[in-house]
Amino acid sequence: MYFSRSATSAACLALLLGGALPPVWATAASATADAAPAALAPMLASDWRAGLDPAGFLVSEKLDGVRALWDGQQLRFRSGLPIAAPRWFTAVLPKVALDGELWLGRGRFDALSGIVRRAEPVDADWRDVSYMVFDLPGATEPFGQRLAQLTAVVAQVGQPWVQVVAQQPVANAAALQTLLAQTVQGDGEGLVLHRSNALWSPGRSAALLKFKPVSDDDARVVAHLPGKGRHAGRLGALLLELPSGQRFALGTGFTDAQRANPPAIGSVVTYRYRDHTPKGLPRFASFLRVREVE
């Protein structure tokens, strides 16, 4: 059973009751405040591909939030840099590592980003923020069992701003498409599928997949290409470099204000696209936003 609580380990409950930390958690808990523990390198989603069978996966909504990892002492961005959250927000969190998203609700990413990136947290703003957790990084059990453990951990926290992201199985590809359509119609971003028997591993994973009507990804700005016609004298396109080293020009999706004051060279931007060319470049790419430094 995907959601069997019998998988909750005695070791996990012992931690909640003040027992000794296993080695992976001990490493996280003893980390310095300005460096991310190696054990907390995040597990990253790949793209869902047409023709895959969703049987054996657990499906959740892809939240449009800010990724946040808790190492047992400090809440951190995906990069490992600390998040300046109020003391009351983190004081209730357990002495085990958690992975999740800080979230305000659908369609509120920009407001959330402004709240969680302040050097000094504003208590009144953080009262609306939830920590939506979805994994126990470093745990050795398959995801279905980790989910049961995570549910037990969050139940012990007992605070409304700390929640487990809801997961469900889907019967087939048609049911998955229906769920995606319902999510998007309600202003949701998309879905995440996690193979229930997959072990946790850091880095990009084929066992963790994102499914959205339009995909997005990040690339680094290496040059500003001049505009022509009505865009003469301002930005025509950004020359972007992918992690692979490939480069392409991104010329759509910008407002007039963004063309007049384009993202800085060296910054990282997020773009939307439909699919890839045979050479691996994004097709029908469009600018979405500048990715904030984390």
Protein backbone atom coordinates (compact mmCIF):
# COMPACT_ATOMS: atom_id res chain seq x y z
CA MET A 1 0.00 0.00 0.00
CA TYR A 2 1.35 3.43 -0.92
CA PHE A 3 0.20 5.07 2.29
CA SER A 4 0.74 2.27 4.83
CA ARG A 5 1.68 3.68 8.22
CA SER A 6 3.24 0.33 9.11
CA ALA A 7 6.31 1.62 7.27
CA THR A 8 6.93 4.27 9.92
CA SER A 9 10.26 3.33 11.44
CA ALA A 10 11.01 3.05 15.11
CA ALA A 11 14.16 5.09 14.46
CA CYS A 12 12.10 8.02 13.12
CA LEU A 13 9.81 8.00 16.14
CA ALA A 14 12.80 7.73 18.44
CA LEU A 15 14.16 10.92 16.93
CA LEU A 16 10.93 12.71 17.66
CA LEU A 17 11.18 11.60 21.27
CA GLY A 18 14.72 12.91 21.61
CA GLY A 19 16.75 9.84 20.66
CA ALA A 20 20.21 9.90 19.06
CA LEU A 21 20.51 11.07 15.47
CA PRO A 22 21.55 8.54 12.81
CA PRO A 23 24.77 9.49 10.96
CA VAL A 24 23.10 11.27 8.01
CA TRP A 25 21.04 13.48 10.33
CA ALA A 26 23.97 14.03 12.67
CA THR A 27 25.95 15.38 9.71
CA ALA A 28 23.13 17.78 8.86
CA ALA A 29 22.58 18.90 12.44
CA SER A 30 26.25 19.69 13.02
CA ALA A 31 26.64 21.74 9.83
CA THR A 32 27.82 25.32 10.06
CA ALA A 33 25.30 28.09 9.49
CA ASP A 34 26.93 29.34 6.25
CA ALA A 35 27.44 26.08 4.35
CA ALA A 36 24.91 23.52 3.14
CA PRO A 37 25.41 19.96 4.43
CA ALA A 38 26.34 17.54 1.66
CA ALA A 39 23.48 15.28 2.77
CA LEU A 40 21.00 17.99 1.81
CA ALA A 41 21.88 18.28 -1.87
CA PRO A 42 18.33 18.26 -3.29
CA MET A 43 16.71 15.61 -5.46
CA LEU A 44 15.66 17.35 -8.70
CA ALA A 45 12.84 16.50 -11.10
CA SER A 46 13.24 15.59 -14.75
CA ASP A 47 10.48 16.14 -17.33
CA TRP A 48 7.57 13.74 -17.80
CA ARG A 49 7.56 12.28 -21.31
CA ALA A 50 4.58 11.30 -23.41
CA GLY A 51 4.06 7.54 -23.47
CA LEU A 52 5.24 6.87 -19.91
CA ASP A 53 2.98 4.78 -17.68
CA PRO A 54 2.09 6.57 -14.40
CA ALA A 55 1.40 3.27 -12.61
CA GLY A 56 3.77 2.94 -9.68
CA PHE A 57 4.07 6.70 -9.21
CA LEU A 58 2.57 8.91 -6.52
CA VAL A 59 1.30 12.22 -7.88
CA SER A 60 1.16 15.63 -6.19
CA GLU A 61 0.56 19.21 -7.29
CA LYS A 62 3.66 21.08 -8.40
CA LEU A 63 3.61 24.06 -6.07
CA ASP A 64 4.75 27.42 -7.40
CA GLY A 65 6.79 28.16 -4.28
CA VAL A 66 10.37 28.54 -3.09
CA ARG A 67 12.30 25.31 -2.48
CA ALA A 68 13.37 25.06 1.15
CA LEU A 69 15.46 22.38 2.85
CA TRP A 70 15.56 22.00 6.62
CA ASP A 71 18.82 20.43 7.89
CA GLY A 72 17.70 19.93 11.48
CA GLN A 73 18.81 23.40 12.55
CA GLN A 74 18.59 25.82 9.64
CA LEU A 75 16.11 26.42 6.81
CA ARG A 76 17.98 26.79 3.51
CA PHE A 77 17.42 27.64 -0.14
CA ARG A 78 18.18 24.98 -2.72
CA SER A 79 21.65 26.49 -3.11
CA GLY A 80 22.36 25.91 0.59
CA LEU A 81 22.23 29.58 1.60
CA PRO A 82 20.23 30.21 4.79
CA ILE A 83 16.66 31.52 4.75
CA ALA A 84 15.95 34.23 7.31
CA ALA A 85 12.73 32.79 8.72
CA PRO A 86 11.24 33.91 12.05
CA ARG A 87 12.30 31.89 15.07
CA TRP A 88 8.72 30.79 15.81
CA PHE A 89 8.42 29.39 12.27
CA THR A 90 11.43 27.06 12.58
CA ALA A 91 11.39 26.33 16.33
CA VAL A 92 8.71 23.67 15.85
CA LEU A 93 10.57 21.80 13.10
CA PRO A 94 12.03 18.37 14.00
CA LYS A 95 15.66 17.35 14.33
CA VAL A 96 15.47 15.52 11.02
CA ALA A 97 16.10 16.84 7.52
CA LEU A 98 13.06 17.87 5.47
CA ASP A 99 12.60 18.90 1.85
CA GLY A 100 9.70 21.03 0.70
CA GLU A 101 8.39 24.34 -0.61
CA LEU A 102 7.60 27.58 1.12
CA TRP A 103 4.19 28.50 -0.30
CA LEU A 104 1.59 31.27 -0.15
CA GLY A 105 -0.92 29.69 -2.53
CA ARG A 106 -1.52 29.37 -6.25
CA GLY A 107 -0.37 32.31 -8.33
CA ARG A 108 1.44 34.10 -5.49
CA PHE A 109 5.09 33.30 -6.25
CA ASP A 110 6.24 36.92 -6.61
CA ALA A 111 4.74 37.93 -3.26
CA LEU A 112 6.26 34.86 -1.60
CA SER A 113 9.69 35.53 -3.08
CA GLY A 114 9.64 39.04 -1.65
CA ILE A 115 8.81 37.69 1.81
CA VAL A 116 11.32 34.85 2.10
CA ARG A 117 14.31 36.64 0.57
CA ARG A 118 14.39 39.51 3.06
CA ALA A 119 17.48 39.62 5.25
CA GLU A 120 15.23 40.43 8.22
CA PRO A 121 11.96 38.48 8.30
CA VAL A 122 8.67 40.31 8.79
CA ASP A 123 6.57 38.26 11.21
CA ALA A 124 3.22 39.48 9.88
CA ASP A 125 4.12 38.37 6.33
CA TRP A 126 5.40 34.96 7.42
CA ARG A 127 2.06 34.23 9.17
CA ASP A 128 0.64 33.48 5.71
CA VAL A 129 3.52 31.23 4.60
CA SER A 130 3.24 27.42 4.75
CA TYR A 131 6.09 24.92 4.68
CA MET A 132 4.78 22.17 2.38
CA VAL A 133 7.10 19.19 2.87
CA PHE A 134 7.39 16.26 0.49
CA ASP A 135 10.47 14.21 1.38
CA LEU A 136 13.02 13.12 3.99
CA PRO A 137 16.40 13.66 2.29
CA GLY A 138 18.99 11.03 3.13
CA ALA A 139 16.50 8.44 4.40
CA THR A 140 17.21 4.95 3.07
CA GLU A 141 13.66 3.66 2.52
CA PRO A 142 11.71 3.83 -0.79
CA PHE A 143 9.58 6.92 -1.31
CA GLY A 144 6.29 5.26 -0.33
CA GLN A 145 7.77 4.38 3.06
CA ARG A 146 9.47 7.77 3.42
CA LEU A 147 6.07 9.38 2.88
CA ALA A 148 4.61 7.40 5.79
CA GLN A 149 7.56 8.44 7.97
CA LEU A 150 7.14 12.06 6.90
CA THR A 151 3.45 11.99 7.78
CA ALA A 152 4.34 10.80 11.29
CA VAL A 153 7.00 13.51 11.67
CA VAL A 154 4.64 16.32 10.63
CA ALA A 155 1.86 14.98 12.85
CA GLN A 156 4.22 15.36 15.79
CA VAL A 157 4.99 18.96 14.77
CA GLY A 158 1.28 19.72 15.02
CA GLN A 159 1.35 23.24 13.54
CA PRO A 160 -0.85 24.43 10.65
CA TRP A 161 2.00 26.08 8.75
CA VAL A 162 3.85 22.74 8.39
CA GLN A 163 2.02 20.32 6.10
CA VAL A 164 2.72 17.21 4.03
CA VAL A 165 2.11 17.67 0.31
CA ALA A 166 -0.83 15.43 -0.63
CA GLN A 167 0.08 12.44 -2.82
CA GLN A 168 -2.14 10.07 -4.76
CA PRO A 169 -1.80 7.22 -7.26
CA VAL A 170 -3.38 7.51 -10.70
CA ALA A 171 -4.71 4.56 -12.66
CA ASN A 172 -3.44 5.35 -16.16
CA ALA A 173 -2.29 8.05 -18.58
CA ALA A 174 -5.84 9.27 -19.25
CA ALA A 175 -6.46 9.78 -15.52
CA LEU A 176 -3.15 11.65 -15.27
CA GLN A 177 -4.14 14.00 -18.09
CA THR A 178 -7.49 14.63 -16.40
CA LEU A 179 -5.79 15.46 -13.11
CA LEU A 180 -3.39 17.83 -14.89
CA ALA A 181 -6.27 19.60 -16.63
CA GLN A 182 -8.16 20.01 -13.34
CA THR A 183 -5.06 21.38 -11.61
CA VAL A 184 -4.26 23.88 -14.35
CA GLN A 185 -7.90 25.03 -14.61
CA GLY A 186 -7.68 25.88 -10.91
CA ASP A 187 -4.56 28.01 -11.56
CA GLY A 188 -2.18 25.26 -10.44
CA GLU A 189 1.21 25.01 -12.16
CA GLY A 190 1.24 21.29 -12.89
CA LEU A 191 2.02 17.91 -11.32
CA VAL A 192 4.96 16.04 -9.82
CA LEU A 193 5.26 12.27 -10.09
CA HIS A 194 7.52 10.33 -7.71
CA ARG A 195 8.08 6.60 -8.21
CA SER A 196 6.88 5.00 -5.00
CA ASN A 197 9.68 2.41 -4.88
CA ALA A 198 12.48 4.89 -5.63
CA LEU A 199 15.30 5.49 -3.19
CA TRP A 200 16.32 9.02 -2.34
CA SER A 201 19.30 10.31 -4.31
CA PRO A 202 20.64 13.84 -4.80
CA GLY A 203 20.69 15.50 -8.20
CA ARG A 204 18.52 15.10 -11.29
CA SER A 205 16.44 11.93 -11.12
CA ALA A 206 14.37 9.86 -13.56
CA ALA A 207 12.28 8.71 -10.58
CA LEU A 208 11.04 12.26 -9.88
CA LEU A 209 9.22 13.88 -12.81
CA LYS A 210 7.44 17.19 -13.39
CA PHE A 211 4.44 17.34 -15.71
CA LYS A 212 3.28 20.76 -16.88
CA PRO A 213 1.38 22.02 -19.94
CA VAL A 214 4.44 24.12 -20.77
CA SER A 215 7.90 23.21 -19.50
CA ASP A 216 10.38 25.69 -18.04
CA ASP A 217 14.08 25.71 -17.31
CA ASP A 218 16.96 28.05 -16.40
CA ALA A 219 19.90 29.43 -18.36
CA ARG A 220 22.60 32.05 -17.84
CA VAL A 221 22.64 35.39 -19.69
CA VAL A 222 25.89 35.77 -21.65
CA ALA A 223 25.03 38.73 -23.93
CA HIS A 224 22.38 41.29 -24.88
CA LEU A 225 21.52 41.18 -28.59
CA PRO A 226 20.36 44.53 -30.05
CA GLY A 227 16.79 44.96 -31.24
CA LYS A 228 15.59 45.90 -34.70
CA GLY A 229 12.49 47.67 -35.97
CA ARG A 230 10.32 48.86 -33.10
CA HIS A 231 12.86 47.41 -30.64
CA ALA A 232 15.77 49.39 -32.11
CA GLY A 233 17.88 50.95 -29.38
CA ARG A 234 16.89 48.40 -26.75
CA LEU A 235 17.04 44.65 -26.14
CA GLY A 236 16.17 42.41 -29.05
CA ALA A 237 17.06 39.09 -27.42
CA LEU A 238 19.11 37.54 -24.63
CA LEU A 239 21.89 35.19 -25.62
CA LEU A 240 21.56 32.36 -23.09
CA GLU A 241 23.92 29.53 -22.20
CA LEU A 242 22.59 26.16 -21.03
CA PRO A 243 24.40 23.97 -18.47
CA SER A 244 25.51 21.85 -21.47
CA GLY A 245 27.36 24.87 -22.90
CA GLN A 246 24.94 25.25 -25.81
CA ARG A 247 23.70 28.76 -26.53
CA PHE A 248 20.49 30.15 -28.00
CA ALA A 249 18.79 33.52 -28.43
CA LEU A 250 15.66 34.24 -26.37
CA GLY A 251 13.69 37.06 -27.96
CA THR A 252 10.07 36.78 -26.79
CA GLY A 253 8.17 37.24 -23.54
CA PHE A 254 9.69 40.58 -22.51
CA THR A 255 7.78 43.71 -21.54
CA ASP A 256 8.90 47.07 -22.92
CA ALA A 257 10.32 47.89 -19.47
CA GLN A 258 12.35 44.67 -19.46
CA ARG A 259 13.71 45.42 -22.95
CA ALA A 260 14.77 48.87 -21.76
CA ASN A 261 16.39 47.42 -18.63
CA PRO A 262 17.21 43.77 -19.44
CA PRO A 263 18.46 41.09 -17.02
CA ALA A 264 22.13 41.59 -16.25
CA ILE A 265 24.81 39.60 -18.01
CA GLY A 266 25.74 36.73 -15.71
CA SER A 267 22.25 36.51 -14.17
CA VAL A 268 20.12 33.38 -14.44
CA VAL A 269 16.69 33.57 -16.07
CA THR A 270 13.81 31.13 -16.29
CA TYR A 271 12.17 30.55 -19.66
CA ARG A 272 9.19 28.52 -20.87
CA TYR A 273 9.33 26.21 -23.88
CA ARG A 274 7.29 23.48 -25.58
CA ASP A 275 9.87 20.85 -26.52
CA HIS A 276 13.43 20.48 -27.82
CA THR A 277 14.98 20.60 -31.26
CA PRO A 278 17.01 17.58 -32.49
CA LYS A 279 20.11 19.46 -31.26
CA GLY A 280 18.66 19.71 -27.74
CA LEU A 281 17.80 23.41 -27.79
CA PRO A 282 14.45 24.63 -26.42
CA ARG A 283 11.73 25.17 -29.02
CA PHE A 284 9.29 28.13 -28.85
CA ALA A 285 11.08 29.54 -25.80
CA SER A 286 9.68 32.60 -24.01
CA PHE A 287 11.07 34.65 -21.09
CA LEU A 288 9.37 34.08 -17.72
CA ARG A 289 11.41 35.77 -14.97
CA VAL A 290 14.84 36.46 -13.53
CA ARG A 291 15.75 33.77 -11.03
CA GLU A 292 16.70 35.37 -7.76
CA VAL A 293 20.11 34.57 -6.28
CA GLU A 294 19.75 31.97 -3.51
